[in-house]
Amino acid sequence: MHLIFIAVILRSLASIFAKQAALTSIGQGIYGMVVNGWFLAELFTLGLQALIWVMVLRRIALSVAYPFMSFVFALNLLAAGLIFGESILPQHIIGITVIIAGVVILNPTIT
């Protein structure tokens, strides 16, 4: 079960790296984006996440494992506010709360 949370964190990190790559490659064209260190970090992180995800799916049914990926939304919202200074509105908090509640309902063993 711990591998699921590692996969979630890696997927969220990849999103953070993608945003940073977007911010640091503005006006550089495709080549500038492809050689951007943040973009390369995103690709590496996604590859690592994919490997861990396959390990997860060896042990846990997809219908049980996949809802956990919804936690990426919560982590990305947190990162958007803390790292990138984006606004977090009440409807964001409500939406994330509903998503997390749904994961708990689908997988009551995580509580």
N, C-alpha and C. Protein backbone atom coordinates (compact mmCIF):
# COMPACT_ATOMS: atom_id res chain seq x y z
N MET A 1 0.82 -1.20 0.00
CA MET A 1 0.00 0.00 0.00
C MET A 1 0.87 1.26 0.00
N HIS A 2 2.05 1.17 0.57
CA HIS A 2 2.93 2.33 0.61
C HIS A 2 3.38 2.76 -0.79
N LEU A 3 3.51 1.81 -1.68
CA LEU A 3 3.93 2.13 -3.04
C LEU A 3 2.91 3.03 -3.74
N ILE A 4 1.63 2.88 -3.40
CA ILE A 4 0.61 3.75 -4.00
C ILE A 4 0.91 5.20 -3.66
N PHE A 5 1.24 5.45 -2.41
CA PHE A 5 1.50 6.83 -2.00
C PHE A 5 2.78 7.39 -2.63
N ILE A 6 3.76 6.54 -2.84
CA ILE A 6 4.96 6.96 -3.55
C ILE A 6 4.61 7.33 -4.99
N ALA A 7 3.76 6.51 -5.62
CA ALA A 7 3.32 6.80 -6.99
C ALA A 7 2.56 8.12 -7.05
N VAL A 8 1.72 8.38 -6.07
CA VAL A 8 0.96 9.64 -6.02
C VAL A 8 1.90 10.82 -5.88
N ILE A 9 2.86 10.72 -4.99
CA ILE A 9 3.81 11.81 -4.77
C ILE A 9 4.64 12.06 -6.03
N LEU A 10 5.10 11.00 -6.67
CA LEU A 10 5.89 11.16 -7.89
C LEU A 10 5.06 11.81 -9.00
N ARG A 11 3.80 11.42 -9.12
CA ARG A 11 2.95 12.02 -10.15
C ARG A 11 2.74 13.50 -9.88
N SER A 12 2.56 13.85 -8.62
CA SER A 12 2.41 15.26 -8.26
C SER A 12 3.69 16.03 -8.51
N LEU A 13 4.82 15.46 -8.15
CA LEU A 13 6.11 16.10 -8.43
C LEU A 13 6.30 16.34 -9.91
N ALA A 14 5.89 15.38 -10.73
CA ALA A 14 5.99 15.55 -12.18
C ALA A 14 5.16 16.75 -12.64
N SER A 15 4.01 16.94 -12.04
CA SER A 15 3.18 18.10 -12.39
C SER A 15 3.85 19.41 -11.98
N ILE A 16 4.48 19.41 -10.84
CA ILE A 16 5.21 20.60 -10.38
C ILE A 16 6.36 20.89 -11.33
N PHE A 17 7.10 19.85 -11.71
CA PHE A 17 8.20 20.03 -12.65
C PHE A 17 7.71 20.54 -14.00
N ALA A 18 6.54 20.05 -14.43
CA ALA A 18 5.97 20.50 -15.70
C ALA A 18 5.62 21.98 -15.65
N LYS A 19 5.04 22.41 -14.55
CA LYS A 19 4.69 23.84 -14.41
C LYS A 19 5.95 24.69 -14.41
N GLN A 20 6.96 24.24 -13.69
CA GLN A 20 8.22 24.99 -13.64
C GLN A 20 8.88 25.01 -15.02
N ALA A 21 8.80 23.90 -15.75
CA ALA A 21 9.34 23.87 -17.11
C ALA A 21 8.60 24.86 -18.00
N ALA A 22 7.30 24.93 -17.84
CA ALA A 22 6.50 25.87 -18.63
C ALA A 22 6.89 27.31 -18.33
N LEU A 23 7.10 27.60 -17.05
CA LEU A 23 7.45 28.96 -16.65
C LEU A 23 8.85 29.37 -17.09
N THR A 24 9.76 28.41 -17.13
CA THR A 24 11.15 28.74 -17.44
C THR A 24 11.51 28.57 -18.91
N SER A 25 10.55 28.13 -19.72
CA SER A 25 10.85 27.95 -21.14
C SER A 25 9.98 28.84 -22.03
N ILE A 26 9.35 29.83 -21.46
CA ILE A 26 8.50 30.73 -22.24
C ILE A 26 9.34 31.42 -23.31
N GLY A 27 8.85 31.36 -24.55
CA GLY A 27 9.52 32.01 -25.67
C GLY A 27 10.71 31.26 -26.23
N GLN A 28 10.96 30.06 -25.75
CA GLN A 28 12.13 29.31 -26.19
C GLN A 28 11.83 28.30 -27.30
N GLY A 29 10.58 28.11 -27.65
CA GLY A 29 10.24 27.13 -28.68
C GLY A 29 10.32 25.71 -28.15
N ILE A 30 10.07 24.77 -29.04
CA ILE A 30 10.06 23.36 -28.66
C ILE A 30 11.43 22.89 -28.18
N TYR A 31 12.48 23.25 -28.89
CA TYR A 31 13.82 22.81 -28.49
C TYR A 31 14.16 23.34 -27.09
N GLY A 32 13.86 24.59 -26.83
CA GLY A 32 14.12 25.16 -25.51
C GLY A 32 13.38 24.43 -24.41
N MET A 33 12.19 23.95 -24.72
CA MET A 33 11.43 23.21 -23.72
C MET A 33 12.02 21.82 -23.51
N VAL A 34 12.39 21.16 -24.61
CA VAL A 34 12.88 19.78 -24.53
C VAL A 34 14.20 19.70 -23.77
N VAL A 35 15.05 20.70 -23.89
CA VAL A 35 16.33 20.66 -23.18
C VAL A 35 16.26 21.33 -21.81
N ASN A 36 15.10 21.79 -21.42
CA ASN A 36 14.90 22.42 -20.12
C ASN A 36 15.05 21.36 -19.02
N GLY A 37 15.85 21.65 -18.02
CA GLY A 37 16.10 20.71 -16.93
C GLY A 37 14.83 20.30 -16.20
N TRP A 38 13.91 21.24 -16.04
CA TRP A 38 12.64 20.93 -15.37
C TRP A 38 11.82 19.94 -16.18
N PHE A 39 11.83 20.11 -17.50
CA PHE A 39 11.11 19.19 -18.37
C PHE A 39 11.73 17.80 -18.29
N LEU A 40 13.05 17.73 -18.29
CA LEU A 40 13.73 16.44 -18.18
C LEU A 40 13.44 15.79 -16.83
N ALA A 41 13.38 16.60 -15.78
CA ALA A 41 13.02 16.08 -14.46
C ALA A 41 11.60 15.53 -14.46
N GLU A 42 10.71 16.22 -15.17
CA GLU A 42 9.33 15.73 -15.28
C GLU A 42 9.30 14.36 -15.95
N LEU A 43 10.00 14.23 -17.07
CA LEU A 43 10.02 12.95 -17.79
C LEU A 43 10.60 11.83 -16.93
N PHE A 44 11.69 12.11 -16.24
CA PHE A 44 12.31 11.11 -15.37
C PHE A 44 11.34 10.69 -14.28
N THR A 45 10.68 11.68 -13.67
CA THR A 45 9.75 11.40 -12.57
C THR A 45 8.55 10.60 -13.07
N LEU A 46 8.04 10.93 -14.24
CA LEU A 46 6.93 10.16 -14.80
C LEU A 46 7.34 8.72 -15.10
N GLY A 47 8.56 8.54 -15.59
CA GLY A 47 9.05 7.18 -15.84
C GLY A 47 9.17 6.37 -14.57
N LEU A 48 9.71 6.98 -13.54
CA LEU A 48 9.84 6.32 -12.25
C LEU A 48 8.46 6.00 -11.67
N GLN A 49 7.55 6.95 -11.80
CA GLN A 49 6.18 6.74 -11.31
C GLN A 49 5.53 5.58 -12.05
N ALA A 50 5.75 5.47 -13.34
CA ALA A 50 5.17 4.39 -14.13
C ALA A 50 5.70 3.02 -13.66
N LEU A 51 6.98 2.95 -13.38
CA LEU A 51 7.55 1.70 -12.88
C LEU A 51 6.94 1.30 -11.54
N ILE A 52 6.83 2.25 -10.65
CA ILE A 52 6.24 1.97 -9.33
C ILE A 52 4.77 1.60 -9.47
N TRP A 53 4.07 2.27 -10.38
CA TRP A 53 2.66 1.98 -10.60
C TRP A 53 2.46 0.53 -11.06
N VAL A 54 3.34 0.04 -11.92
CA VAL A 54 3.24 -1.35 -12.34
C VAL A 54 3.46 -2.28 -11.16
N MET A 55 4.39 -1.94 -10.28
CA MET A 55 4.61 -2.74 -9.07
C MET A 55 3.36 -2.74 -8.20
N VAL A 56 2.71 -1.59 -8.10
CA VAL A 56 1.45 -1.50 -7.34
C VAL A 56 0.41 -2.43 -7.94
N LEU A 57 0.26 -2.38 -9.26
CA LEU A 57 -0.77 -3.16 -9.93
C LEU A 57 -0.50 -4.66 -9.89
N ARG A 58 0.73 -5.05 -9.61
CA ARG A 58 1.02 -6.47 -9.42
C ARG A 58 0.36 -6.99 -8.15
N ARG A 59 0.18 -6.10 -7.17
CA ARG A 59 -0.30 -6.51 -5.86
C ARG A 59 -1.75 -6.14 -5.58
N ILE A 60 -2.23 -5.10 -6.25
CA ILE A 60 -3.55 -4.55 -5.92
C ILE A 60 -4.38 -4.41 -7.19
N ALA A 61 -5.66 -4.69 -7.09
CA ALA A 61 -6.56 -4.55 -8.23
C ALA A 61 -6.61 -3.09 -8.69
N LEU A 62 -6.72 -2.90 -9.98
CA LEU A 62 -6.79 -1.55 -10.54
C LEU A 62 -7.95 -0.76 -9.94
N SER A 63 -9.08 -1.42 -9.74
CA SER A 63 -10.26 -0.74 -9.20
C SER A 63 -10.04 -0.26 -7.77
N VAL A 64 -9.11 -0.85 -7.07
CA VAL A 64 -8.76 -0.42 -5.71
C VAL A 64 -7.66 0.63 -5.77
N ALA A 65 -6.67 0.41 -6.61
CA ALA A 65 -5.49 1.29 -6.65
C ALA A 65 -5.76 2.64 -7.30
N TYR A 66 -6.49 2.63 -8.41
CA TYR A 66 -6.59 3.86 -9.20
C TYR A 66 -7.25 5.03 -8.48
N PRO A 67 -8.27 4.83 -7.66
CA PRO A 67 -8.83 5.98 -6.95
C PRO A 67 -7.82 6.76 -6.12
N PHE A 68 -6.77 6.09 -5.67
CA PHE A 68 -5.75 6.78 -4.89
C PHE A 68 -5.04 7.87 -5.70
N MET A 69 -5.00 7.70 -7.02
CA MET A 69 -4.36 8.73 -7.84
C MET A 69 -5.10 10.06 -7.76
N SER A 70 -6.34 10.03 -7.25
CA SER A 70 -7.08 11.28 -7.05
C SER A 70 -6.40 12.19 -6.03
N PHE A 71 -5.59 11.62 -5.16
CA PHE A 71 -4.86 12.44 -4.19
C PHE A 71 -3.89 13.40 -4.88
N VAL A 72 -3.54 13.10 -6.14
CA VAL A 72 -2.68 14.00 -6.91
C VAL A 72 -3.34 15.39 -7.00
N PHE A 73 -4.67 15.42 -7.15
CA PHE A 73 -5.37 16.70 -7.21
C PHE A 73 -5.12 17.54 -5.97
N ALA A 74 -5.19 16.90 -4.81
CA ALA A 74 -4.98 17.62 -3.55
C ALA A 74 -3.54 18.13 -3.44
N LEU A 75 -2.59 17.28 -3.76
CA LEU A 75 -1.19 17.69 -3.69
C LEU A 75 -0.88 18.81 -4.68
N ASN A 76 -1.45 18.70 -5.87
CA ASN A 76 -1.21 19.75 -6.87
C ASN A 76 -1.84 21.07 -6.48
N LEU A 77 -3.00 21.02 -5.85
CA LEU A 77 -3.62 22.25 -5.37
C LEU A 77 -2.75 22.89 -4.29
N LEU A 78 -2.25 22.09 -3.40
CA LEU A 78 -1.35 22.59 -2.36
C LEU A 78 -0.10 23.20 -2.98
N ALA A 79 0.48 22.53 -3.94
CA ALA A 79 1.68 23.04 -4.63
C ALA A 79 1.36 24.33 -5.38
N ALA A 80 0.21 24.38 -6.01
CA ALA A 80 -0.17 25.59 -6.75
C ALA A 80 -0.18 26.80 -5.84
N GLY A 81 -0.69 26.63 -4.65
CA GLY A 81 -0.74 27.74 -3.71
C GLY A 81 0.60 28.05 -3.07
N LEU A 82 1.27 27.02 -2.58
CA LEU A 82 2.51 27.23 -1.81
C LEU A 82 3.72 27.54 -2.69
N ILE A 83 3.83 26.88 -3.81
CA ILE A 83 5.02 27.03 -4.65
C ILE A 83 4.84 28.11 -5.70
N PHE A 84 3.67 28.12 -6.33
CA PHE A 84 3.46 29.02 -7.47
C PHE A 84 2.61 30.23 -7.13
N GLY A 85 2.17 30.35 -5.89
CA GLY A 85 1.41 31.53 -5.47
C GLY A 85 0.05 31.67 -6.11
N GLU A 86 -0.51 30.57 -6.59
CA GLU A 86 -1.83 30.61 -7.21
C GLU A 86 -2.90 30.69 -6.12
N SER A 87 -4.02 31.25 -6.46
CA SER A 87 -5.13 31.38 -5.51
C SER A 87 -5.78 30.02 -5.26
N ILE A 88 -6.08 29.77 -4.01
CA ILE A 88 -6.85 28.59 -3.64
C ILE A 88 -8.18 29.10 -3.09
N LEU A 89 -9.23 28.81 -3.81
CA LEU A 89 -10.55 29.30 -3.48
C LEU A 89 -11.34 28.27 -2.68
N PRO A 90 -12.37 28.72 -1.98
CA PRO A 90 -13.18 27.77 -1.20
C PRO A 90 -13.71 26.60 -2.03
N GLN A 91 -14.10 26.86 -3.28
CA GLN A 91 -14.61 25.76 -4.10
C GLN A 91 -13.52 24.72 -4.41
N HIS A 92 -12.26 25.15 -4.43
CA HIS A 92 -11.17 24.19 -4.59
C HIS A 92 -11.12 23.25 -3.38
N ILE A 93 -11.20 23.84 -2.20
CA ILE A 93 -11.15 23.05 -0.96
C ILE A 93 -12.33 22.09 -0.89
N ILE A 94 -13.51 22.57 -1.24
CA ILE A 94 -14.70 21.72 -1.22
C ILE A 94 -14.54 20.58 -2.22
N GLY A 95 -14.07 20.90 -3.41
CA GLY A 95 -13.88 19.87 -4.44
C GLY A 95 -12.90 18.80 -4.01
N ILE A 96 -11.79 19.22 -3.45
CA ILE A 96 -10.77 18.26 -2.99
C ILE A 96 -11.33 17.41 -1.85
N THR A 97 -12.09 18.03 -0.97
CA THR A 97 -12.70 17.29 0.14
C THR A 97 -13.65 16.21 -0.38
N VAL A 98 -14.43 16.55 -1.39
CA VAL A 98 -15.34 15.57 -1.99
C VAL A 98 -14.55 14.43 -2.64
N ILE A 99 -13.47 14.77 -3.32
CA ILE A 99 -12.64 13.74 -3.96
C ILE A 99 -12.05 12.80 -2.92
N ILE A 100 -11.50 13.36 -1.86
CA ILE A 100 -10.90 12.53 -0.80
C ILE A 100 -11.96 11.67 -0.12
N ALA A 101 -13.13 12.24 0.12
CA ALA A 101 -14.23 11.46 0.70
C ALA A 101 -14.59 10.30 -0.22
N GLY A 102 -14.60 10.53 -1.51
CA GLY A 102 -14.89 9.47 -2.46
C GLY A 102 -13.88 8.35 -2.41
N VAL A 103 -12.61 8.70 -2.28
CA VAL A 103 -11.57 7.68 -2.18
C VAL A 103 -11.75 6.86 -0.90
N VAL A 104 -12.07 7.53 0.18
CA VAL A 104 -12.28 6.83 1.46
C VAL A 104 -13.50 5.90 1.36
N ILE A 105 -14.55 6.37 0.71
CA ILE A 105 -15.74 5.52 0.54
C ILE A 105 -15.42 4.29 -0.30
N LEU A 106 -14.63 4.48 -1.36
CA LEU A 106 -14.27 3.36 -2.22
C LEU A 106 -13.29 2.39 -1.55
N ASN A 107 -12.47 2.90 -0.65
CA ASN A 107 -11.43 2.09 0.00
C ASN A 107 -11.46 2.34 1.50
N PRO A 108 -12.44 1.82 2.21
CA PRO A 108 -12.57 2.11 3.65
C PRO A 108 -11.40 1.61 4.48
N THR A 109 -10.55 0.75 3.93
CA THR A 109 -9.42 0.22 4.70
C THR A 109 -8.32 1.25 4.91
N ILE A 110 -8.39 2.44 4.23
CA ILE A 110 -7.31 3.42 4.40
C ILE A 110 -7.51 4.29 5.64
N THR A 111 -8.67 4.19 6.29
CA THR A 111 -8.91 5.04 7.48
C THR A 111 -8.41 4.37 8.72
